[in-house]
Amino acid sequence: MNEEEYEELARWLPCHPGRWVAWPEPFGTRAEADALFESLRDGGLESFKVDSAALRWRIDEFKSIVDGRGLIWMEVSCAW
């Protein structure tokens, strides 16, 4: 995602509290997803400004996506 997409999503989340939204990019491992969301929660990206206490994410390993290369990706959702 680019900076504008992060900023747009950060503005959208508080307008829809409690609503889970699928993250627009898949992750190959739980560790990759957790690392990104922990960084976002802790202010690691200037364009993604949200209340760190309210940001939540969940990883659904049973909803996987197979890409054109045959790699399996996990669906991740976040909410505010």
Protein backbone atom coordinates (compact mmCIF):
# COMPACT_ATOMS: atom_id res chain seq x y z
CA MET A 1 0.00 0.00 0.00
CA ASN A 2 1.14 3.54 -0.57
CA GLU A 3 1.03 6.42 1.93
CA GLU A 4 -2.31 7.74 0.63
CA GLU A 5 -3.97 4.35 1.01
CA TYR A 6 -2.73 4.02 4.59
CA GLU A 7 -3.97 7.52 5.38
CA GLU A 8 -7.37 6.89 3.80
CA LEU A 9 -7.84 3.65 5.75
CA ALA A 10 -6.78 5.34 9.00
CA ARG A 11 -9.45 8.02 8.43
CA TRP A 12 -12.09 5.46 7.47
CA LEU A 13 -11.70 3.15 10.51
CA PRO A 14 -12.93 5.59 13.23
CA CYS A 15 -15.98 6.45 11.10
CA HIS A 16 -17.01 2.78 11.25
CA PRO A 17 -16.25 1.71 14.84
CA GLY A 18 -16.43 -2.00 15.52
CA ARG A 19 -16.65 -2.93 11.85
CA TRP A 20 -14.06 -5.43 10.69
CA VAL A 21 -12.51 -4.59 7.33
CA ALA A 22 -10.32 -6.91 5.30
CA TRP A 23 -6.77 -5.64 4.96
CA PRO A 24 -6.12 -4.90 1.28
CA GLU A 25 -2.91 -6.93 1.18
CA PRO A 26 -2.48 -10.58 2.18
CA PHE A 27 0.20 -11.94 4.50
CA GLY A 28 2.18 -15.13 4.15
CA THR A 29 2.60 -15.73 7.89
CA ARG A 30 1.02 -14.73 11.18
CA ALA A 31 4.33 -13.18 12.23
CA GLU A 32 4.35 -10.85 9.19
CA ALA A 33 0.82 -9.66 9.97
CA ASP A 34 1.50 -9.19 13.68
CA ALA A 35 4.71 -7.27 12.97
CA LEU A 36 2.94 -4.84 10.63
CA PHE A 37 -0.05 -4.24 12.90
CA GLU A 38 2.09 -3.84 16.01
CA SER A 39 4.14 -1.24 14.13
CA LEU A 40 0.99 0.57 12.95
CA ARG A 41 -0.47 0.48 16.45
CA ASP A 42 2.74 1.90 17.90
CA GLY A 43 2.89 4.80 15.42
CA GLY A 44 5.47 3.27 13.09
CA LEU A 45 3.92 4.86 10.00
CA GLU A 46 3.31 8.61 9.95
CA SER A 47 0.39 8.40 7.52
CA PHE A 48 -1.50 5.78 9.59
CA LYS A 49 -2.68 7.74 12.64
CA VAL A 50 -5.18 5.88 14.80
CA ASP A 51 -5.91 5.50 18.50
CA SER A 52 -3.48 2.75 19.45
CA ALA A 53 -5.75 1.50 22.25
CA ALA A 54 -8.63 1.02 19.81
CA LEU A 55 -6.85 -0.65 16.87
CA ARG A 56 -7.47 -4.40 16.73
CA TRP A 57 -6.65 -7.05 14.17
CA ARG A 58 -7.47 -10.68 13.68
CA ILE A 59 -5.98 -13.33 11.49
CA ASP A 60 -8.24 -15.91 9.92
CA GLU A 61 -5.98 -18.76 8.90
CA PHE A 62 -8.99 -20.67 7.61
CA LYS A 63 -9.79 -17.98 5.03
CA SER A 64 -6.78 -18.31 2.86
CA ILE A 65 -6.14 -16.99 -0.60
CA VAL A 66 -4.11 -18.80 -3.23
CA ASP A 67 -2.36 -16.40 -5.58
CA GLY A 68 -1.29 -16.96 -9.19
CA ARG A 69 2.02 -18.41 -8.05
CA GLY A 70 0.30 -20.99 -5.85
CA LEU A 71 1.29 -19.27 -2.60
CA ILE A 72 -1.21 -19.33 0.24
CA TRP A 73 -1.98 -16.04 2.00
CA MET A 74 -3.95 -15.43 5.18
CA GLU A 75 -6.78 -12.94 5.31
CA VAL A 76 -6.33 -10.29 7.98
CA SER A 77 -8.97 -7.87 9.20
CA CYS A 78 -8.67 -4.80 11.36
CA ALA A 79 -11.12 -2.65 13.29
CA TRP A 80 -11.11 0.48 15.40
